[in-house]
Amino acid sequence: MAKDTFFNKKITLNADGKLIDLSVPKVMCIINITPDSFYAGSRHQTVHDAVLQAATMLAEGAAILDIGAYSSRPGATDISAQEETDRLLPVIEAIVKAYPDAVLSVDTFRAPVADAAIKAGAHIINDISGGQLDADMFATVAKLQVPYILMHMKGTPQTMVQQAQYTNVFTEVYDYFTERIQQLKASGVHDIILDPGFGFAKTHEHSYELMSKLQDFRALDLPVLVGISRKRMIWQLSGGNAADALNGTTVLNTIALTKGANILRVHDVKEAVEAVNLWTKCG
């Protein structure tokens, strides 16, 4: 089956001179420097453990390492920017030293944390709030001239469950992207990646509706990231918990690929890379 023309066109991100070609989908791995992320297998509380995990994920084919020190699961404990920075920077510095060619993304909604992380060696800013929780974020991204992942969320991790209300979830997310893209481009940001924010201020039904229409985001002419790895929207259908959701994650990642996803953000790199390779072979 022939691939969509949008999928095949050249899409390149410039991560501090490291060019990332998204015409073939890439896998972004999750490294959480937190004690309370929703999936226990992703928690790495020491620098040593995080570097070992980075080594494993790079060997398995991860193109981007996404490092976060603030748990964004529903109802997560809020921490200060200083604590987030103190957790984050030693890990970034250690990974950069061990793997200088690796591409690092920092998962934060705070502009000062993002700024410090980029200066420590990270290359991409992954903002779950789309600039809504820090008015300085867009200006910071523009100043740093780094790729920016624009995610849709309402509220905060502490309040988002109560805000999962929409008349039409796809239309609202699409309109949100349109508005924020204009603001980012006006600020001077060049490389933008879209993330619909599966599970963030969305019921399972909202998330599946967004997945069913994922291909329609390509009208915005920007690469799309899909992050559904081991989320409740998967395992709540069959029972169990996040530890039981690898098979369902692979199924949904494959569906996302058929709908034009350019980046898969995952806990399990080997399986995601296999999905990309096998799907690519079919075209």
Protein backbone atom coordinates (compact mmCIF):
# COMPACT_ATOMS: atom_id res chain seq x y z
CA MET A 1 0.00 0.00 0.00
CA ALA A 2 1.53 3.33 -1.04
CA LYS A 3 2.38 5.76 1.69
CA ASP A 4 0.69 9.16 1.89
CA THR A 5 2.49 11.93 0.01
CA PHE A 6 2.83 13.98 3.19
CA PHE A 7 4.51 11.09 4.95
CA ASN A 8 7.06 10.70 2.15
CA LYS A 9 8.03 14.35 1.81
CA LYS A 10 11.25 15.62 3.36
CA ILE A 11 10.74 16.76 6.94
CA THR A 12 13.93 17.69 8.75
CA LEU A 13 14.44 19.07 12.24
CA ASN A 14 17.59 20.98 13.12
CA ALA A 15 18.62 20.05 16.66
CA ASP A 16 21.74 22.19 17.17
CA GLY A 17 23.19 21.02 13.89
CA LYS A 18 22.02 17.43 14.34
CA LEU A 19 19.57 16.90 11.47
CA ILE A 20 16.65 14.57 12.16
CA ASP A 21 14.93 13.28 9.02
CA LEU A 22 11.28 12.53 9.80
CA SER A 23 10.36 11.29 6.33
CA VAL A 24 10.83 7.90 8.00
CA PRO A 25 9.20 7.83 11.47
CA LYS A 26 11.48 8.06 14.47
CA VAL A 27 11.21 6.63 17.98
CA MET A 28 11.55 8.90 21.01
CA CYS A 29 12.20 7.10 24.29
CA ILE A 30 11.05 8.17 27.76
CA ILE A 31 13.51 8.61 30.62
CA ASN A 32 11.77 9.88 33.75
CA ILE A 33 13.82 11.25 36.63
CA THR A 34 10.84 11.03 38.95
CA PRO A 35 9.67 8.81 41.81
CA ASP A 36 6.00 8.80 40.77
CA SER A 37 5.55 8.53 36.99
CA PHE A 38 2.52 6.43 36.09
CA TYR A 39 4.58 3.52 34.71
CA ALA A 40 7.05 2.21 37.27
CA GLY A 41 9.33 0.80 34.59
CA SER A 42 10.16 4.31 33.38
CA ARG A 43 11.35 5.71 36.72
CA HIS A 44 15.08 6.35 37.09
CA GLN A 45 16.02 8.19 40.25
CA THR A 46 19.82 8.11 39.95
CA VAL A 47 22.10 9.55 37.29
CA HIS A 48 23.77 6.17 36.88
CA ASP A 49 20.46 4.39 36.23
CA ALA A 50 19.40 7.04 33.71
CA VAL A 51 22.66 6.76 31.77
CA LEU A 52 22.34 2.97 31.67
CA GLN A 53 18.78 3.30 30.40
CA ALA A 54 19.92 5.77 27.75
CA ALA A 55 22.56 3.29 26.62
CA THR A 56 20.00 0.52 26.28
CA MET A 57 17.50 2.68 24.41
CA LEU A 58 20.09 4.06 22.01
CA ALA A 59 21.28 0.52 21.28
CA GLU A 60 17.69 -0.50 20.55
CA GLY A 61 17.29 2.30 18.02
CA ALA A 62 15.92 5.36 19.82
CA ALA A 63 16.51 8.50 17.77
CA ILE A 64 15.62 10.93 20.57
CA LEU A 65 15.91 10.64 24.35
CA ASP A 66 13.11 12.52 26.13
CA ILE A 67 14.15 13.34 29.69
CA GLY A 68 11.66 14.58 32.25
CA ALA A 69 11.94 15.42 35.93
CA TYR A 70 8.33 16.50 36.60
CA SER A 71 5.67 13.81 36.71
CA SER A 72 2.69 14.86 34.58
CA ARG A 73 0.39 11.95 35.39
CA PRO A 74 -3.11 12.99 36.54
CA GLY A 75 -2.97 14.29 40.09
CA ALA A 76 0.84 14.22 40.28
CA THR A 77 2.55 16.10 43.09
CA ASP A 78 3.67 19.58 42.09
CA ILE A 79 7.36 20.31 42.58
CA SER A 80 9.31 23.55 42.39
CA ALA A 81 11.28 24.65 39.35
CA GLN A 82 14.44 24.37 41.44
CA GLU A 83 13.75 20.73 42.34
CA GLU A 84 12.93 19.94 38.73
CA THR A 85 16.18 21.55 37.58
CA ASP A 86 18.22 19.82 40.27
CA ARG A 87 16.88 16.44 39.15
CA LEU A 88 17.26 17.14 35.46
CA LEU A 89 20.62 18.81 34.80
CA PRO A 90 22.96 16.13 36.22
CA VAL A 91 21.27 13.52 34.04
CA ILE A 92 21.47 15.63 30.89
CA GLU A 93 25.11 16.45 31.53
CA ALA A 94 26.00 12.79 32.18
CA ILE A 95 24.21 11.52 29.06
CA VAL A 96 25.78 14.23 26.90
CA LYS A 97 29.20 13.25 28.23
CA ALA A 98 28.62 9.54 27.67
CA TYR A 99 26.82 9.87 24.32
CA PRO A 100 27.74 13.20 22.70
CA ASP A 101 25.98 12.31 19.43
CA ALA A 102 22.65 11.55 21.09
CA VAL A 103 19.70 13.89 20.54
CA LEU A 104 18.08 14.92 23.83
CA SER A 105 14.65 16.37 24.44
CA VAL A 106 13.66 18.00 27.72
CA ASP A 107 10.11 17.38 28.94
CA THR A 108 9.16 20.55 30.83
CA PHE A 109 6.56 23.33 30.75
CA ARG A 110 8.79 25.85 32.55
CA ALA A 111 10.85 28.28 30.49
CA PRO A 112 13.75 28.63 32.99
CA VAL A 113 14.06 24.84 33.24
CA ALA A 114 13.98 24.52 29.46
CA ASP A 115 16.62 27.23 29.10
CA ALA A 116 18.94 25.58 31.61
CA ALA A 117 18.45 22.15 30.03
CA ILE A 118 19.28 23.36 26.53
CA LYS A 119 22.38 25.12 27.82
CA ALA A 120 23.37 21.86 29.57
CA GLY A 121 23.26 20.01 26.24
CA ALA A 122 19.64 19.15 25.39
CA HIS A 123 18.37 19.92 21.88
CA ILE A 124 14.54 19.90 21.88
CA ILE A 125 11.86 21.31 24.19
CA ASN A 126 8.82 19.11 24.81
CA ASP A 127 6.12 21.22 26.50
CA ILE A 128 2.98 19.44 27.67
CA SER A 129 1.25 22.79 28.21
CA GLY A 130 1.88 24.33 24.79
CA GLY A 131 3.15 27.49 26.46
CA GLN A 132 0.02 27.95 28.56
CA LEU A 133 1.70 27.41 31.95
CA ASP A 134 4.63 29.77 31.36
CA ALA A 135 4.13 32.96 29.37
CA ASP A 136 7.86 33.12 28.66
CA MET A 137 8.10 29.73 26.96
CA PHE A 138 7.58 30.80 23.34
CA ALA A 139 10.10 33.63 23.64
CA THR A 140 12.56 31.23 25.25
CA VAL A 141 12.20 28.70 22.43
CA ALA A 142 12.65 31.45 19.86
CA LYS A 143 15.77 32.74 21.63
CA LEU A 144 17.28 29.26 21.82
CA GLN A 145 16.25 28.37 18.24
CA VAL A 146 15.47 24.74 19.06
CA PRO A 147 12.68 22.42 17.89
CA TYR A 148 9.54 22.67 20.00
CA ILE A 149 6.94 20.01 20.68
CA LEU A 150 3.56 21.72 21.03
CA MET A 151 1.15 19.54 23.01
CA HIS A 152 -2.52 20.10 23.74
CA MET A 153 -3.65 20.06 27.35
CA LYS A 154 -6.19 21.94 29.43
CA GLY A 155 -5.43 22.89 33.01
CA THR A 156 -2.48 21.36 34.84
CA PRO A 157 -1.54 17.77 35.73
CA GLN A 158 -3.29 18.41 39.04
CA THR A 159 -6.57 19.68 37.48
CA MET A 160 -6.73 18.26 33.95
CA VAL A 161 -9.06 15.35 34.74
CA GLN A 162 -11.80 17.77 35.72
CA GLN A 163 -11.34 19.72 32.47
CA ALA A 164 -11.91 16.84 30.04
CA GLN A 165 -15.00 18.45 28.53
CA TYR A 166 -15.42 19.21 24.81
CA THR A 167 -18.19 19.83 22.32
CA ASN A 168 -15.93 18.45 19.58
CA VAL A 169 -12.52 17.34 20.80
CA PHE A 170 -10.87 17.17 17.37
CA THR A 171 -12.05 20.64 16.34
CA GLU A 172 -10.95 22.16 19.64
CA VAL A 173 -7.49 20.58 19.48
CA TYR A 174 -7.10 21.54 15.80
CA ASP A 175 -8.10 25.15 16.48
CA TYR A 176 -5.74 25.27 19.45
CA PHE A 177 -2.89 24.12 17.22
CA THR A 178 -3.74 26.69 14.56
CA GLU A 179 -3.67 29.53 17.08
CA ARG A 180 -0.50 28.42 18.86
CA ILE A 181 1.37 27.73 15.61
CA GLN A 182 0.70 31.29 14.49
CA GLN A 183 2.00 32.61 17.80
CA LEU A 184 5.13 30.45 17.63
CA LYS A 185 5.93 31.46 14.07
CA ALA A 186 5.38 35.12 14.93
CA SER A 187 7.85 34.65 17.78
CA GLY A 188 10.45 33.24 15.37
CA VAL A 189 10.19 29.52 16.12
CA HIS A 190 10.96 27.44 13.02
CA ASP A 191 10.75 23.74 13.95
CA ILE A 192 7.38 22.78 15.47
CA ILE A 193 6.08 19.27 16.20
CA LEU A 194 2.43 18.67 17.12
CA ASP A 195 1.30 16.34 19.90
CA PRO A 196 -2.50 15.92 20.38
CA GLY A 197 -1.93 15.07 24.04
CA PHE A 198 -3.59 11.68 24.37
CA GLY A 199 -4.93 11.30 27.90
CA PHE A 200 -4.16 14.87 28.94
CA ALA A 201 -7.47 16.48 29.91
CA LYS A 202 -9.17 13.86 27.75
CA THR A 203 -11.33 10.85 28.50
CA HIS A 204 -10.53 7.55 26.80
CA GLU A 205 -13.30 8.28 24.30
CA HIS A 206 -11.74 11.66 23.49
CA SER A 207 -8.36 10.04 22.95
CA TYR A 208 -9.73 7.38 20.62
CA GLU A 209 -11.63 10.01 18.66
CA LEU A 210 -8.39 11.93 18.19
CA MET A 211 -6.62 8.75 17.09
CA SER A 212 -9.37 8.04 14.55
CA LYS A 213 -8.81 11.48 13.01
CA LEU A 214 -5.06 11.70 13.46
CA GLN A 215 -4.45 11.92 9.71
CA ASP A 216 -6.45 15.17 9.58
CA PHE A 217 -3.78 17.01 11.57
CA ARG A 218 -1.51 16.71 8.54
CA ALA A 219 -3.43 19.60 7.00
CA LEU A 220 -1.36 21.77 9.35
CA ASP A 221 1.75 20.70 7.40
CA LEU A 222 3.83 19.91 10.49
CA PRO A 223 5.19 16.64 11.87
CA VAL A 224 3.02 14.83 14.42
CA LEU A 225 4.16 13.06 17.59
CA VAL A 226 2.05 10.32 19.16
CA GLY A 227 2.49 9.46 22.84
CA ILE A 228 0.15 6.68 23.91
CA SER A 229 2.70 4.32 25.47
CA ARG A 230 1.17 2.14 28.19
CA LYS A 231 -1.54 4.72 28.93
CA ARG A 232 -4.82 4.00 30.69
CA MET A 233 -6.71 4.40 27.39
CA ILE A 234 -5.13 1.06 26.41
CA TRP A 235 -5.26 -1.12 29.48
CA GLN A 236 -8.63 0.06 30.78
CA LEU A 237 -10.27 -1.79 27.86
CA SER A 238 -9.00 -5.19 28.96
CA GLY A 239 -8.18 -4.72 32.63
CA GLY A 240 -4.78 -4.86 34.26
CA ASN A 241 -2.48 -1.88 34.51
CA ALA A 242 0.32 -0.08 32.69
CA ALA A 243 2.61 -3.08 33.03
CA ASP A 244 0.15 -5.11 30.90
CA ALA A 245 -0.16 -2.59 28.07
CA LEU A 246 2.81 -3.29 25.78
CA ASN A 247 0.84 -5.25 23.19
CA GLY A 248 -1.90 -2.64 23.04
CA THR A 249 0.72 0.09 22.78
CA THR A 250 2.27 -1.61 19.75
CA VAL A 251 -1.13 -1.98 18.10
CA LEU A 252 -1.99 1.71 18.54
CA ASN A 253 1.51 2.80 17.49
CA THR A 254 1.07 0.84 14.26
CA ILE A 255 -2.31 2.46 13.67
CA ALA A 256 -0.73 5.85 14.31
CA LEU A 257 1.93 5.10 11.69
CA THR A 258 -0.75 4.35 9.11
CA LYS A 259 -2.26 7.76 9.90
CA GLY A 260 0.99 9.65 9.38
CA ALA A 261 2.67 9.81 12.80
CA ASN A 262 6.27 10.99 12.45
CA ILE A 263 7.48 10.36 16.01
CA LEU A 264 6.43 7.63 18.44
CA ARG A 265 7.14 8.51 22.09
CA VAL A 266 7.51 5.23 23.98
CA HIS A 267 8.75 3.38 27.02
CA ASP A 268 9.62 0.28 24.99
CA VAL A 269 12.04 1.16 22.21
CA LYS A 270 12.74 -2.25 20.69
CA GLU A 271 9.08 -2.98 20.02
CA ALA A 272 8.41 0.48 18.60
CA VAL A 273 11.43 0.33 16.29
CA GLU A 274 10.28 -3.08 15.07
CA ALA A 275 6.82 -1.64 14.37
CA VAL A 276 8.34 1.21 12.34
CA ASN A 277 10.64 -1.11 10.40
CA LEU A 278 7.93 -3.65 9.59
CA TRP A 279 5.42 -0.98 8.65
CA THR A 280 7.96 0.74 6.42
CA LYS A 281 8.68 -2.55 4.64
CA CYS A 282 5.00 -2.82 3.70
CA GLY A 283 5.25 0.30 1.58
